[in-house]
């Protein structure tokens, strides 16, 4: 009888566009599929969240503030790593590497000089010092250097984790921004950003209720969708662009929303929330419908998977698909992206590509990330 392979442990860290905090997972990548052994979620304190959000737009003394924010983020990451290891009784020496995505504050691939840039804050050298574990970070910039969007990077992991022979699957990640992975039955993968996810809904909810997000979509469900406002929001040219494409708070931000609201005069806040939820559902459904024949299932991950009203709207707009969360396929929604960066760290250490040119538009497959040894 052959014994099971020894665990090959990695930690993945994700703080996404929603800016709600850090998700950390402990993953065993010794087998054919990623096995998550533990998950720790740590919310950002109000000051850190406010500064990271502010750094998404131009402001005074940005270089100094960004450097200090990166240090604070590294400390938040380190606390999450230590908490995760303590919960599961694992010493740091048993972990091969930490995959740290960092916090995206600007995403402008292909712009300005033909190359553009994508910028994720996070001090991986400090994180390596604080944890005593090798850190892999800066995953997106090599793809951008190769002519790609630098995003989305998760489709390759979605294929690793959820791909099945002779069976297609659509995977929709609804974080601050929404992105779709199309896993076809022959092993092909396509991926792209659909448009806004939770970012605008969270902003509006925070502004008008003081709550960080609309729990279960209950507030949106109390409002009425405003058809003219919805049509104006859906008129954003990005939503009509063909893939490969990616976006972020550089486009879908409070100023973008305010410019469109100004045309309509006073409207009930709950109606705006309902309309923003419908914007996310409609933009995602329009992207999904182009590939609906690839699968009978749409598996949703990210925080949006827990918005019952949003999930119900997706199901209503996509009656030919069964809309469910990724838990039905082996991984809870809030663990998927962090697990992806654990897997991407392993790819880097093994000298294997982490991007999919079909998804990002890069000239070819590339080994991603920089390595900061323990």
Protein backbone atom coordinates (compact mmCIF):
# COMPACT_ATOMS: atom_id res chain seq x y z
CA UNK A 1 0.00 0.00 0.00
CA UNK A 2 1.40 3.40 -0.95
CA UNK A 3 1.34 6.07 1.72
CA UNK A 4 -0.22 9.47 1.14
CA UNK A 5 2.21 12.18 0.10
CA UNK A 6 3.55 14.42 2.84
CA UNK A 7 1.61 17.69 3.15
CA UNK A 8 2.96 20.59 1.12
CA UNK A 9 1.71 23.60 3.02
CA UNK A 10 1.24 27.12 1.71
CA UNK A 11 -0.59 30.13 3.06
CA UNK A 12 -2.60 32.38 0.76
CA UNK A 13 -3.48 35.95 1.71
CA UNK A 14 -6.11 38.06 -0.01
CA UNK A 15 -7.32 41.58 0.67
CA UNK A 16 -9.55 42.47 -2.22
CA UNK A 17 -11.21 45.46 -3.79
CA UNK A 18 -14.00 45.33 -1.21
CA UNK A 19 -11.46 46.45 1.42
CA UNK A 20 -13.22 44.51 4.16
CA UNK A 21 -10.09 42.85 5.53
CA UNK A 22 -7.69 39.94 5.09
CA UNK A 23 -8.62 36.35 4.29
CA UNK A 24 -5.88 33.85 5.10
CA UNK A 25 -5.99 30.15 4.22
CA UNK A 26 -3.68 27.28 5.05
CA UNK A 27 -3.62 24.99 2.04
CA UNK A 28 -2.14 21.58 1.34
CA UNK A 29 -1.04 21.48 -2.29
CA UNK A 30 0.57 18.04 -2.30
CA UNK A 31 -2.28 16.38 -4.19
CA UNK A 32 -4.14 16.88 -7.46
CA UNK A 33 -6.47 19.44 -5.82
CA UNK A 34 -5.96 22.20 -3.32
CA UNK A 35 -7.12 21.15 0.15
CA UNK A 36 -7.83 24.03 2.52
CA UNK A 37 -6.95 23.04 6.08
CA UNK A 38 -7.87 26.32 7.75
CA UNK A 39 -9.24 29.81 7.18
CA UNK A 40 -8.85 32.99 9.23
CA UNK A 41 -10.60 36.27 8.42
CA UNK A 42 -9.36 39.51 9.98
CA UNK A 43 -11.25 42.76 9.32
CA UNK A 44 -9.31 45.97 8.72
CA UNK A 45 -9.51 48.60 11.42
CA UNK A 46 -11.33 51.75 10.34
CA UNK A 47 -8.16 53.85 9.94
CA UNK A 48 -6.38 51.29 7.74
CA UNK A 49 -9.45 50.79 5.56
CA UNK A 50 -9.95 54.54 5.17
CA UNK A 51 -6.32 55.12 4.16
CA UNK A 52 -6.27 52.25 1.66
CA UNK A 53 -9.49 53.53 0.16
CA UNK A 54 -8.12 57.09 -0.03
CA UNK A 55 -4.99 55.87 -1.81
CA UNK A 56 -7.15 54.64 -4.70
CA UNK A 57 -7.42 58.25 -5.86
CA UNK A 58 -4.74 60.96 -6.23
CA UNK A 59 -3.97 62.89 -3.05
CA UNK A 60 -1.28 64.76 -1.17
CA UNK A 61 1.96 63.11 -0.02
CA UNK A 62 1.01 59.85 -1.71
CA UNK A 63 4.43 58.18 -1.78
CA UNK A 64 4.95 58.61 1.97
CA UNK A 65 1.40 57.54 2.81
CA UNK A 66 1.54 54.53 0.48
CA UNK A 67 4.80 53.32 2.01
CA UNK A 68 3.38 53.50 5.54
CA UNK A 69 0.13 51.87 4.43
CA UNK A 70 2.15 49.02 2.89
CA UNK A 71 3.91 48.52 6.23
CA UNK A 72 0.58 48.50 8.08
CA UNK A 73 -0.80 46.00 5.59
CA UNK A 74 2.24 43.73 6.03
CA UNK A 75 1.63 43.78 9.78
CA UNK A 76 -2.04 42.93 9.25
CA UNK A 77 -0.99 40.05 7.00
CA UNK A 78 1.53 38.84 9.58
CA UNK A 79 -1.08 38.88 12.35
CA UNK A 80 -3.40 36.82 10.13
CA UNK A 81 -0.60 34.31 9.40
CA UNK A 82 0.27 33.90 13.08
CA UNK A 83 -3.41 33.54 14.05
CA UNK A 84 -3.99 30.94 11.33
CA UNK A 85 -0.96 28.88 12.37
CA UNK A 86 -1.87 29.11 16.07
CA UNK A 87 -5.42 27.92 15.37
CA UNK A 88 -4.11 24.81 13.67
CA UNK A 89 -1.02 24.12 15.78
CA UNK A 90 1.42 24.49 12.90
CA UNK A 91 4.86 26.08 13.27
CA UNK A 92 5.95 28.55 10.61
CA UNK A 93 8.73 26.19 9.56
CA UNK A 94 6.15 23.76 8.12
CA UNK A 95 4.94 26.32 5.55
CA UNK A 96 6.85 26.52 2.27
CA UNK A 97 5.67 29.99 1.30
CA UNK A 98 3.07 32.69 1.77
CA UNK A 99 1.37 33.99 -1.36
CA UNK A 100 0.50 37.63 -0.62
CA UNK A 101 -1.62 39.44 -3.18
CA UNK A 102 -1.27 42.90 -1.63
CA UNK A 103 -3.86 45.66 -1.85
CA UNK A 104 -4.61 47.03 -5.32
CA UNK A 105 -4.75 50.83 -5.27
CA UNK A 106 -4.27 51.54 -8.99
CA UNK A 107 -4.91 49.34 -12.00
CA UNK A 108 -4.11 50.94 -15.37
CA UNK A 109 -2.64 48.21 -17.63
CA UNK A 110 -1.82 49.22 -21.20
CA UNK A 111 -2.44 52.92 -20.57
CA UNK A 112 -0.28 56.06 -20.85
CA UNK A 113 2.90 54.57 -22.39
CA UNK A 114 1.61 51.36 -23.94
CA UNK A 115 2.57 49.25 -20.92
CA UNK A 116 0.80 50.97 -18.05
CA UNK A 117 0.94 49.51 -14.58
CA UNK A 118 -0.90 47.78 -11.78
CA UNK A 119 0.02 48.67 -8.21
CA UNK A 120 -0.54 46.45 -5.18
CA UNK A 121 0.55 47.84 -1.81
CA UNK A 122 2.16 45.47 0.68
CA UNK A 123 5.71 45.16 1.96
CA UNK A 124 6.64 41.52 1.27
CA UNK A 125 10.14 41.94 2.69
CA UNK A 126 8.66 43.07 6.00
CA UNK A 127 6.13 40.23 5.87
CA UNK A 128 8.96 37.70 5.43
CA UNK A 129 10.73 39.24 8.43
CA UNK A 130 7.63 39.18 10.61
CA UNK A 131 6.60 35.62 9.78
CA UNK A 132 9.88 33.84 9.13
CA UNK A 133 8.30 32.34 6.00
CA UNK A 134 9.26 32.82 2.36
CA UNK A 135 6.88 35.28 0.72
CA UNK A 136 5.82 35.39 -2.93
CA UNK A 137 4.23 38.68 -3.97
CA UNK A 138 3.77 41.13 -6.88
CA UNK A 139 1.99 38.56 -9.03
CA UNK A 140 0.40 40.91 -11.55
CA UNK A 141 3.23 43.08 -12.85
CA UNK A 142 4.98 40.43 -14.97
CA UNK A 143 1.79 39.75 -16.88
CA UNK A 144 1.39 43.50 -17.52
CA UNK A 145 5.02 43.66 -18.69
CA UNK A 146 4.14 40.90 -21.18
CA UNK A 147 1.32 43.00 -22.61
CA UNK A 148 -1.44 41.58 -20.42
CA UNK A 149 -4.01 43.06 -18.12
CA UNK A 150 -2.46 41.50 -15.02
CA UNK A 151 -5.97 40.28 -14.22
CA UNK A 152 -7.84 38.17 -13.65
CA UNK A 153 -5.30 35.64 -12.35
CA UNK A 154 -7.77 33.31 -10.63
CA UNK A 155 -9.05 31.44 -13.74
CA UNK A 156 -5.99 29.14 -13.76
CA UNK A 157 -6.67 28.22 -10.13
CA UNK A 158 -10.38 27.78 -10.85
CA UNK A 159 -9.41 25.22 -13.47
CA UNK A 160 -7.05 23.47 -11.01
CA UNK A 161 -9.67 23.43 -8.25
CA UNK A 162 -12.99 23.02 -10.04
CA UNK A 163 -12.19 21.66 -13.51
CA UNK A 164 -13.73 18.28 -14.34
CA UNK A 165 -13.12 16.08 -17.39
CA UNK A 166 -15.91 16.40 -19.96
CA UNK A 167 -17.84 18.85 -17.79
CA UNK A 168 -17.88 22.62 -18.10
CA UNK A 169 -18.36 25.09 -15.26
CA UNK A 170 -18.82 28.85 -15.00
CA UNK A 171 -17.21 30.43 -11.92
CA UNK A 172 -18.22 33.97 -10.97
CA UNK A 173 -16.20 35.79 -8.34
CA UNK A 174 -18.08 38.76 -6.88
CA UNK A 175 -15.67 40.78 -4.80
CA UNK A 176 -15.38 44.54 -5.10
CA UNK A 177 -15.16 43.86 -8.84
CA UNK A 178 -16.77 40.81 -10.49
CA UNK A 179 -14.87 38.43 -12.73
CA UNK A 180 -15.91 35.33 -14.65
CA UNK A 181 -14.00 32.13 -15.40
CA UNK A 182 -15.29 29.90 -18.20
CA UNK A 183 -14.08 26.31 -17.79
CA UNK A 184 -15.11 24.35 -20.85
CA UNK A 185 -15.58 20.61 -21.03
CA UNK A 186 -12.40 20.15 -23.09
CA UNK A 187 -10.11 21.83 -20.55
CA UNK A 188 -10.05 25.29 -22.12
CA UNK A 189 -10.22 28.33 -19.85
CA UNK A 190 -11.29 31.92 -20.47
CA UNK A 191 -11.58 34.68 -17.89
CA UNK A 192 -12.27 38.40 -17.65
CA UNK A 193 -13.69 41.12 -15.41
CA UNK A 194 -17.45 41.64 -15.83
CA UNK A 195 -17.75 45.03 -14.12
CA UNK A 196 -18.66 46.22 -10.62
CA UNK A 197 -19.22 43.68 -7.89
CA UNK A 198 -19.76 44.86 -4.32
CA UNK A 199 -17.70 48.07 -4.39
CA UNK A 200 -20.46 50.52 -5.36
CA UNK A 201 -23.12 48.76 -3.28
CA UNK A 202 -20.86 48.81 -0.21
CA UNK A 203 -20.01 52.49 -0.73
CA UNK A 204 -23.66 53.52 -1.00
CA UNK A 205 -24.68 51.39 2.00
CA UNK A 206 -21.88 52.81 4.16
CA UNK A 207 -22.75 56.35 3.15
CA UNK A 208 -26.47 56.09 3.86
CA UNK A 209 -26.81 53.49 6.64
CA UNK A 210 -23.42 53.49 8.34
CA UNK A 211 -23.14 49.74 7.72
CA UNK A 212 -20.12 48.41 5.80
CA UNK A 213 -22.30 46.33 3.47
CA UNK A 214 -25.92 45.47 2.73
CA UNK A 215 -26.34 42.22 4.68
CA UNK A 216 -28.21 39.66 2.57
CA UNK A 217 -29.12 42.51 0.19
CA UNK A 218 -32.03 43.27 2.54
CA UNK A 219 -31.85 47.05 2.02
CA UNK A 220 -31.71 46.70 -1.76
CA UNK A 221 -34.70 44.35 -1.62
CA UNK A 222 -36.71 47.16 0.05
CA UNK A 223 -36.10 49.53 -2.86
CA UNK A 224 -37.29 49.79 -6.44
CA UNK A 225 -34.96 49.53 -9.42
CA UNK A 226 -34.86 52.84 -11.31
CA UNK A 227 -34.90 51.83 -15.01
CA UNK A 228 -33.46 55.08 -16.40
CA UNK A 229 -30.62 55.12 -13.87
CA UNK A 230 -29.92 51.45 -14.52
CA UNK A 231 -29.75 52.11 -18.27
CA UNK A 232 -27.33 54.98 -17.67
CA UNK A 233 -25.07 52.81 -15.49
CA UNK A 234 -25.17 49.93 -17.96
CA UNK A 235 -24.15 52.36 -20.70
CA UNK A 236 -20.58 52.39 -19.35
CA UNK A 237 -18.39 51.49 -22.37
CA UNK A 238 -16.28 49.00 -20.37
CA UNK A 239 -19.30 46.72 -20.05
CA UNK A 240 -19.54 46.41 -23.83
CA UNK A 241 -15.82 45.77 -24.42
CA UNK A 242 -14.84 42.27 -25.52
CA UNK A 243 -12.35 40.32 -23.37
CA UNK A 244 -9.58 40.32 -22.39
CA UNK A 245 -10.46 43.13 -20.04
CA UNK A 246 -10.02 44.09 -16.41
CA UNK A 247 -11.08 46.98 -14.23
CA UNK A 248 -11.13 48.31 -10.68
CA UNK A 249 -11.87 51.30 -8.51
CA UNK A 250 -10.03 53.46 -11.06
CA UNK A 251 -13.29 53.27 -13.04
CA UNK A 252 -16.11 52.06 -10.78
CA UNK A 253 -15.79 54.50 -7.89
CA UNK A 254 -18.01 56.99 -6.01
CA UNK A 255 -17.19 59.79 -8.44
CA UNK A 256 -18.31 57.63 -11.39
CA UNK A 257 -21.58 56.96 -9.58
CA UNK A 258 -22.11 60.58 -8.53
CA UNK A 259 -21.65 61.87 -12.08
CA UNK A 260 -24.47 59.62 -13.23
CA UNK A 261 -26.75 60.33 -10.28
CA UNK A 262 -26.55 64.08 -10.92
CA UNK A 263 -28.70 63.65 -14.02
CA UNK A 264 -31.65 62.33 -12.02
CA UNK A 265 -32.15 64.71 -9.11
CA UNK A 266 -33.15 63.46 -5.63
CA UNK A 267 -33.94 59.75 -5.48
CA UNK A 268 -34.64 57.50 -2.47
CA UNK A 269 -31.36 55.94 -1.27
CA UNK A 270 -32.88 52.47 -1.09
CA UNK A 271 -33.87 52.75 -4.75
CA UNK A 272 -30.29 53.59 -5.66
CA UNK A 273 -29.14 50.55 -3.68
CA UNK A 274 -31.64 48.36 -5.51
CA UNK A 275 -30.42 49.76 -8.82
CA UNK A 276 -26.74 49.23 -7.95
CA UNK A 277 -27.50 45.62 -7.04
CA UNK A 278 -29.30 45.20 -10.34
CA UNK A 279 -26.31 46.77 -12.13
CA UNK A 280 -24.01 44.11 -10.70
CA UNK A 281 -26.49 41.31 -11.43
CA UNK A 282 -27.17 42.55 -14.98
CA UNK A 283 -23.52 43.10 -15.89
CA UNK A 284 -22.59 39.65 -14.55
CA UNK A 285 -25.57 37.97 -16.23
CA UNK A 286 -24.75 39.60 -19.57
CA UNK A 287 -21.20 38.23 -19.38
CA UNK A 288 -22.37 34.79 -18.27
CA UNK A 289 -25.05 34.52 -20.96
CA UNK A 290 -22.41 34.68 -23.70
CA UNK A 291 -20.98 31.39 -22.39
CA UNK A 292 -24.13 29.79 -20.96
CA UNK A 293 -23.86 26.71 -23.17
CA UNK A 294 -20.57 25.78 -21.48
CA UNK A 295 -22.26 24.52 -18.32
CA UNK A 296 -25.47 23.91 -16.43
CA UNK A 297 -23.99 25.51 -13.31
CA UNK A 298 -22.83 28.95 -12.25
CA UNK A 299 -20.68 28.68 -9.12
CA UNK A 300 -20.38 32.00 -7.26
CA UNK A 301 -17.61 32.95 -4.83
CA UNK A 302 -16.50 36.12 -3.07
CA UNK A 303 -18.56 38.16 -0.63
CA UNK A 304 -21.33 38.59 -3.19
CA UNK A 305 -22.16 34.90 -2.84
CA UNK A 306 -23.65 35.73 0.58
CA UNK A 307 -25.91 38.49 -0.77
CA UNK A 308 -29.20 36.59 -1.02
CA UNK A 309 -30.96 39.30 -3.02
CA UNK A 310 -28.09 39.48 -5.53
CA UNK A 311 -28.01 35.69 -5.88
CA UNK A 312 -31.78 35.64 -6.44
CA UNK A 313 -31.45 38.30 -9.13
CA UNK A 314 -28.70 36.31 -10.86
CA UNK A 315 -30.91 33.22 -10.84
CA UNK A 316 -33.84 35.21 -12.23
CA UNK A 317 -31.70 36.67 -15.02
CA UNK A 318 -30.12 33.28 -15.84
CA UNK A 319 -33.02 30.81 -15.73
CA UNK A 320 -31.12 28.26 -17.83
CA UNK A 321 -28.42 27.83 -15.18
CA UNK A 322 -28.36 26.59 -11.63
CA UNK A 323 -26.84 29.43 -9.59
CA UNK A 324 -25.08 28.17 -6.47
CA UNK A 325 -21.97 28.94 -4.43
CA UNK A 326 -18.58 27.30 -4.87
CA UNK A 327 -19.23 25.39 -1.63
CA UNK A 328 -21.23 22.98 -3.78
CA UNK A 329 -17.97 22.37 -5.67
CA UNK A 330 -15.67 21.90 -2.71
CA UNK A 331 -14.56 25.32 -1.48
CA UNK A 332 -16.49 27.98 0.51
CA UNK A 333 -16.83 31.34 -1.28
CA UNK A 334 -14.59 33.36 1.04
CA UNK A 335 -11.69 30.90 0.74
CA UNK A 336 -11.38 30.75 -3.04
CA UNK A 337 -9.28 33.83 -3.79
CA UNK A 338 -6.91 33.36 -0.86
CA UNK A 339 -6.43 29.71 -1.87
CA UNK A 340 -5.68 30.91 -5.41
CA UNK A 341 -2.72 32.94 -4.17
CA UNK A 342 -1.41 30.00 -2.15
CA UNK A 343 -1.50 28.02 -5.40
CA UNK A 344 0.09 30.85 -7.37
CA UNK A 345 2.93 31.00 -4.82
CA UNK A 346 3.58 27.31 -5.42
CA UNK A 347 3.58 27.86 -9.18
CA UNK A 348 6.24 30.55 -8.73
CA UNK A 349 8.48 28.42 -6.52
CA UNK A 350 8.31 25.58 -9.04
CA UNK A 351 9.04 27.91 -11.97
CA UNK A 352 5.61 27.25 -13.48
CA UNK A 353 3.35 29.82 -15.21
CA UNK A 354 0.62 31.45 -13.17
CA UNK A 355 -1.20 33.45 -15.84
CA UNK A 356 -3.46 32.37 -18.66
CA UNK A 357 -2.91 34.46 -21.80
CA UNK A 358 -6.54 33.67 -22.78
CA UNK A 359 -7.66 35.51 -19.66
CA UNK A 360 -5.18 38.38 -19.38
CA UNK A 361 -4.17 38.98 -22.99
CA UNK A 362 -0.45 38.56 -22.26
CA UNK A 363 1.87 37.51 -25.09
CA UNK A 364 2.41 34.15 -23.42
CA UNK A 365 2.49 32.17 -20.21
CA UNK A 366 4.77 33.67 -17.57
CA UNK A 367 6.14 32.76 -14.15
CA UNK A 368 4.65 35.41 -11.90
CA UNK A 369 5.75 37.12 -8.73
CA UNK A 370 8.86 38.00 -6.78
CA UNK A 371 10.30 35.72 -4.08
CA UNK A 372 11.38 37.07 -0.69
CA UNK A 373 13.18 34.24 1.12
CA UNK A 374 12.58 33.58 4.80
